[in-house]
Protein backbone atom coordinates (compact mmCIF):
# COMPACT_ATOMS: atom_id res chain seq x y z
CA MET A 1 -17.25 2.91 6.97
CA PRO A 2 -17.02 6.43 8.46
CA GLU A 3 -14.33 8.85 7.43
CA PRO A 4 -11.16 8.90 9.54
CA ARG A 5 -11.51 11.16 12.57
CA HIS A 6 -10.80 14.85 11.96
CA GLU A 7 -7.40 14.66 13.61
CA HIS A 8 -6.31 12.05 11.04
CA HIS A 9 -5.02 14.35 8.33
CA ALA A 10 -3.92 12.79 5.08
CA SER A 11 -0.28 11.72 5.35
CA VAL A 12 0.10 11.63 1.58
CA SER A 13 -2.22 12.80 -1.18
CA TYR A 14 -1.78 12.53 -4.91
CA SER A 15 -3.87 12.19 -8.05
CA ILE A 16 -3.40 10.34 -11.32
CA ASP A 17 -4.85 11.10 -14.72
CA LEU A 18 -6.67 8.82 -17.14
CA GLU A 19 -3.35 7.32 -18.26
CA ASN A 20 -2.30 6.62 -14.65
CA ARG A 21 0.32 9.35 -14.62
CA ILE A 22 0.85 11.39 -11.47
CA GLU A 23 -0.60 14.86 -12.05
CA SER A 24 -0.49 16.36 -8.54
CA VAL A 25 0.95 15.64 -5.10
CA GLY A 26 0.33 17.18 -1.70
CA GLY A 27 -0.60 16.37 1.86
CA GLY A 28 2.93 15.85 3.14
CA TRP A 29 4.30 13.94 0.13
CA LEU A 30 7.92 15.02 0.60
CA ALA A 31 7.92 14.66 4.39
CA PHE A 32 6.58 11.11 4.08
CA ALA A 33 9.11 10.24 1.36
CA CYS A 34 11.97 11.47 3.56
CA ALA A 35 10.64 9.60 6.59
CA ASN A 36 10.64 6.39 4.52
CA GLY A 37 14.16 6.74 3.17
CA ALA A 38 13.32 8.16 -0.28
CA PRO A 39 14.16 11.89 -0.16
CA GLU A 40 14.84 11.80 -3.90
CA LEU A 41 11.12 11.37 -4.62
CA THR A 42 10.40 15.09 -4.63
CA PRO A 43 7.22 16.37 -6.32
CA ALA A 44 9.30 17.50 -9.30
CA ALA A 45 10.80 14.02 -9.63
CA VAL A 46 7.45 12.19 -9.72
CA LEU A 47 5.02 14.49 -11.54
CA GLY A 48 4.18 13.16 -15.00
CA ARG A 49 5.53 9.68 -14.27
CA HIS A 50 3.41 6.55 -14.50
CA ILE A 51 2.27 5.28 -11.10
CA GLY A 52 3.47 1.82 -12.13
CA ASP A 53 7.05 3.12 -11.92
CA PHE A 54 6.68 3.02 -8.15
CA ILE A 55 5.08 -0.44 -7.84
CA ALA A 56 7.67 -3.14 -8.40
CA ASP A 57 5.48 -6.24 -8.22
CA PRO A 58 3.48 -7.01 -11.43
CA GLY A 59 0.64 -8.59 -9.45
CA THR A 60 0.29 -5.52 -7.27
CA ARG A 61 0.31 -3.27 -10.35
CA HIS A 62 -2.48 -5.38 -11.84
CA ILE A 63 -4.57 -5.07 -8.68
CA TYR A 64 -4.13 -1.32 -8.61
CA GLY A 65 -5.35 -1.24 -12.21
CA LEU A 66 -8.52 -3.09 -11.17
CA LEU A 67 -9.08 -0.67 -8.30
CA TYR A 68 -8.61 2.37 -10.52
CA GLY A 69 -11.17 0.89 -12.92
CA LEU A 70 -13.73 0.58 -10.12
CA VAL A 71 -13.14 4.19 -9.09
CA ARG A 72 -13.52 5.39 -12.67
CA ASP A 73 -16.88 3.60 -12.68
CA GLY A 74 -17.92 5.80 -9.77
CA ALA A 75 -16.86 3.90 -6.64
CA THR A 76 -15.05 5.36 -3.65
CA LEU A 77 -12.85 2.73 -2.01
CA ARG A 78 -11.23 2.60 1.42
CA LEU A 79 -8.51 0.01 1.95
CA PRO A 80 -6.49 -0.64 5.12
CA PHE A 81 -2.80 -1.35 4.70
CA ARG A 82 0.48 -1.26 6.58
CA CYS A 83 3.37 1.01 5.70
CA ASP A 84 6.11 0.05 8.14
CA GLY A 85 9.54 1.53 8.60
CA PRO A 86 12.49 -0.32 10.13
CA GLU A 87 11.62 0.92 13.64
CA VAL A 88 7.92 1.72 13.37
CA GLU A 89 4.68 -0.11 12.58
CA ARG A 90 2.12 2.05 10.76
CA ASN A 91 -1.51 1.11 10.20
CA MET A 92 -2.93 3.24 7.44
CA LEU A 93 -5.99 3.74 5.26
CA LEU A 94 -5.98 4.35 1.51
CA ARG A 95 -8.98 6.19 0.07
CA LEU A 96 -9.42 6.15 -3.71
CA SER A 97 -12.06 8.50 -5.15
CA PRO A 98 -13.05 9.85 -8.59
CA ALA A 99 -11.23 13.04 -9.55
CA GLY A 100 -12.98 13.97 -12.81
CA PHE A 101 -11.93 13.44 -16.44
CA GLY A 102 -11.04 9.84 -15.62
CA GLY A 103 -8.64 10.77 -12.85
CA VAL A 104 -8.29 9.12 -9.46
CA ARG A 105 -7.51 10.89 -6.19
CA CYS A 106 -5.50 8.92 -3.65
CA ASP A 107 -5.41 9.93 0.02
CA THR A 108 -3.61 7.97 2.71
CA PHE A 109 -4.35 8.43 6.40
CA LEU A 110 -2.22 7.39 9.36
CA LEU A 111 -4.52 5.55 11.78
CA ALA A 112 -2.01 4.30 14.33
CA GLU A 113 1.71 3.82 14.73
CA LYS A 114 3.97 2.30 17.33
CA HIS A 115 7.71 2.03 17.67
CA ARG A 116 9.50 -1.29 18.04
CA PRO A 117 13.03 -2.71 17.89
CA PRO A 118 14.51 -2.19 14.38
CA ILE A 119 13.86 -4.78 11.68
CA ALA A 120 16.75 -4.76 9.20
CA LEU A 121 14.60 -6.47 6.56
CA LEU A 122 12.74 -3.16 6.12
CA ASP A 123 15.89 -1.02 6.04
CA ALA A 124 16.80 -0.17 2.44
CA THR A 125 20.40 0.54 3.51
CA ALA A 126 20.95 -2.82 5.27
CA PRO A 127 23.40 -5.33 3.72
CA ARG A 128 21.64 -7.97 1.62
CA GLY A 129 22.40 -11.63 1.09
CA THR A 130 21.34 -13.93 -1.73
CA ASP A 131 18.19 -15.35 -0.12
CA LEU A 132 14.78 -13.98 -1.11
CA VAL A 133 11.81 -13.19 1.12
CA VAL A 134 8.36 -12.36 -0.28
CA MET A 135 6.26 -9.81 1.62
CA CYS A 136 2.62 -8.82 1.06
CA SER A 137 2.43 -5.26 -0.23
CA TRP A 138 -0.70 -4.57 1.83
CA CYS A 139 -0.51 -6.31 5.22
CA LYS A 140 3.28 -6.90 5.39
CA ARG A 141 2.91 -10.61 6.08
CA ILE A 142 5.91 -12.73 5.07
CA ARG A 143 5.61 -15.92 3.06
CA HIS A 144 7.27 -18.87 4.75
CA GLN A 145 6.89 -22.24 3.07
CA GLU A 146 3.12 -22.56 2.59
CA GLN A 147 2.19 -19.96 5.19
CA TRP A 148 1.87 -16.17 5.32
CA LEU A 149 3.08 -15.01 8.73
CA ASP A 150 2.72 -11.65 10.46
CA LEU A 151 5.85 -9.59 9.90
CA GLU A 152 7.27 -9.95 13.40
CA GLU A 153 6.49 -13.67 13.53
CA GLY A 154 8.01 -14.18 10.10
CA VAL A 155 11.22 -12.44 11.15
CA ARG A 156 11.39 -14.69 14.22
CA ARG A 157 10.59 -17.94 12.38
CA LEU A 158 13.15 -17.20 9.67
CA ASN A 159 15.71 -16.27 12.34
CA LEU A 160 16.49 -13.06 10.48
CA LEU A 161 17.66 -11.15 13.56
CA SER A 162 20.71 -13.40 13.92
CA HIS A 163 21.94 -12.97 10.34
CA ALA A 164 24.73 -10.57 9.42
CA SER A 165 22.78 -9.59 6.29
CA SER A 166 19.11 -9.49 5.38
CA PRO A 167 17.59 -11.38 2.43
CA GLU A 168 16.48 -9.59 -0.67
CA LEU A 169 12.91 -8.39 -0.34
CA SER A 170 10.28 -9.00 -3.01
CA HIS A 171 6.63 -7.97 -2.87
CA GLY A 172 3.36 -9.62 -3.81
CA VAL A 173 -0.15 -9.82 -2.39
CA CYS A 174 -1.09 -12.58 0.04
CA PRO A 175 -4.24 -14.67 -0.58
CA SER A 176 -6.01 -13.18 2.46
CA CYS A 177 -5.67 -9.64 1.12
CA VAL A 178 -6.76 -10.69 -2.37
CA VAL A 179 -9.95 -12.25 -0.97
CA ALA A 180 -10.66 -9.46 1.52
CA TYR A 181 -10.00 -6.37 -0.56
CA PHE A 182 -9.77 -7.13 -4.25
CA PRO A 183 -12.87 -8.82 -5.71
CA PRO A 184 -13.28 -9.19 -9.48
CA PRO A 185 -13.73 -5.80 -11.17
CA ASN A 186 -17.19 -6.75 -12.48
CA ARG A 187 -18.60 -7.23 -8.99
CA ARG A 188 -21.72 -5.06 -8.63
CA THR A 189 -24.16 -4.10 -5.93
CA GLU A 190 -27.75 -5.36 -5.97
CA GLN A 191 -28.76 -2.12 -7.70
CA GLY A 192 -26.32 -2.80 -10.52
CA GLU A 193 -24.00 0.02 -9.47
CA PRO A 194 -20.24 -0.40 -9.08
CA ALA A 195 -19.19 -1.77 -5.71
CA SER A 196 -18.50 1.09 -3.28
CA VAL A 197 -17.47 1.71 0.30
CA SER A 198 -20.38 -0.39 1.59
CA GLU A 199 -18.84 -3.54 0.11
CA PRO A 200 -16.71 -5.74 2.41
CA TYR A 201 -13.39 -4.84 0.80
CA GLY A 202 -14.06 -1.18 1.51
CA ARG A 203 -14.22 -1.55 5.30
CA LEU A 204 -11.58 -1.74 7.93
CA ALA A 205 -11.37 -5.15 9.57
């Protein structure tokens, strides 16, 4: 897959060391944190901390560990994901690349965004009830019974707009994203090299 167009500057850039601790941040880190309701996550507050401190779901942390392992084997990965705010839908790209000495560089690029009516489920300051909703960390689909629904459809089907409070929000990874982007870590190319950007999970859909 080609690099993002020149005008797509990295929204957030950071790197982790061999022990998965954040060793540098840049590329609009603080501006992005403030825009997503986390102004307390200044560079000084995150440097030296384990990246797992910022990934609540154990399954998602495990998947990140697999991805970091592939990058440390020499792969460069590009993964589409959504990073929505209460009033905005953002389609983004995560690029993971080797950084030397076992480190991993992480660059995120904003590909497209559009504004929409606010969704309280995504507002960290909204009142919460006792119900629980599971959302995919990558595509933002919502699990409803045995289905994973697009965010907006899930909000409609669960009738969340009519509730005085939003359910608690938990994160996981939906089966579609697991199949599309996270193959087993021992998957290799025909030449025996680690899977790289030419593999299906490295391309935008």
